[in-house]
């Protein structure tokens, strides 16, 4: 399985008309198991 680092801007693409369609298609592929998301976050 391909592991894909996903920055927070990718999640925000759902709310941007310019990127919404592509972003939703990407997350559909994630749901189908084509990719495994890798995310990071930091707490201050």
C-alpha atoms as a PDB file:
ATOM      1  CA  UNK A   1       0.000   0.000   0.000  1.00  0.00           C
ATOM      2  CA  UNK A   2       1.218   3.472  -0.813  1.00  0.00           C
ATOM      3  CA  UNK A   3       1.643   5.744   2.202  1.00  0.00           C
ATOM      4  CA  UNK A   4       0.875   9.396   1.478  1.00  0.00           C
ATOM      5  CA  UNK A   5       1.841  12.268   3.773  1.00  0.00           C
ATOM      6  CA  UNK A   6      -1.170  14.556   3.896  1.00  0.00           C
ATOM      7  CA  UNK A   7      -0.756  18.140   5.003  1.00  0.00           C
ATOM      8  CA  UNK A   8      -3.652  20.013   6.612  1.00  0.00           C
ATOM      9  CA  UNK A   9      -4.135  22.008   3.412  1.00  0.00           C
ATOM     10  CA  UNK A  10      -5.362  18.828   1.710  1.00  0.00           C
ATOM     11  CA  UNK A  11      -8.224  18.565   4.194  1.00  0.00           C
ATOM     12  CA  UNK A  12      -9.035  22.224   3.580  1.00  0.00           C
ATOM     13  CA  UNK A  13      -9.372  21.494  -0.128  1.00  0.00           C
ATOM     14  CA  UNK A  14     -12.820  20.073   0.566  1.00  0.00           C
ATOM     15  CA  UNK A  15     -14.001  23.615   1.350  1.00  0.00           C
ATOM     16  CA  UNK A  16     -12.358  25.299  -1.662  1.00  0.00           C
ATOM     17  CA  UNK A  17     -14.368  25.277  -4.891  1.00  0.00           C
ATOM     18  CA  UNK A  18     -11.163  25.131  -6.953  1.00  0.00           C
ATOM     19  CA  UNK A  19      -9.927  21.907  -5.301  1.00  0.00           C
ATOM     20  CA  UNK A  20     -13.095  20.297  -3.925  1.00  0.00           C
ATOM     21  CA  UNK A  21     -13.663  17.726  -6.689  1.00  0.00           C
ATOM     22  CA  UNK A  22     -10.062  16.489  -6.722  1.00  0.00           C
ATOM     23  CA  UNK A  23      -9.866  16.418  -2.931  1.00  0.00           C
ATOM     24  CA  UNK A  24     -13.038  14.364  -2.595  1.00  0.00           C
ATOM     25  CA  UNK A  25     -11.762  11.975  -5.284  1.00  0.00           C
ATOM     26  CA  UNK A  26      -8.515  11.579  -3.342  1.00  0.00           C
ATOM     27  CA  UNK A  27     -10.360  10.762  -0.113  1.00  0.00           C
ATOM     28  CA  UNK A  28     -12.540   8.262  -2.008  1.00  0.00           C
ATOM     29  CA  UNK A  29      -9.334   6.462  -3.006  1.00  0.00           C
ATOM     30  CA  UNK A  30      -8.224   6.512   0.628  1.00  0.00           C
ATOM     31  CA  UNK A  31     -11.555   4.969   1.667  1.00  0.00           C
ATOM     32  CA  UNK A  32     -11.082   2.260  -0.981  1.00  0.00           C
ATOM     33  CA  UNK A  33      -7.724   1.395   0.566  1.00  0.00           C
ATOM     34  CA  UNK A  34      -5.580   2.614  -2.339  1.00  0.00           C
ATOM     35  CA  UNK A  35      -3.573   4.908  -0.054  1.00  0.00           C
ATOM     36  CA  UNK A  36      -2.723   5.009   3.631  1.00  0.00           C
ATOM     37  CA  UNK A  37      -2.724   8.528   5.053  1.00  0.00           C
ATOM     38  CA  UNK A  38       0.222   9.693   7.108  1.00  0.00           C
ATOM     39  CA  UNK A  39      -0.380  12.879   9.065  1.00  0.00           C
ATOM     40  CA  UNK A  40       1.510  14.766  11.716  1.00  0.00           C
ATOM     41  CA  UNK A  41       0.519  17.386  14.179  1.00  0.00           C
ATOM     42  CA  UNK A  42       2.142  19.322  16.933  1.00  0.00           C
ATOM     43  CA  UNK A  43       0.755  20.499  20.213  1.00  0.00           C
ATOM     44  CA  UNK A  44       1.975  23.689  21.750  1.00  0.00           C
END
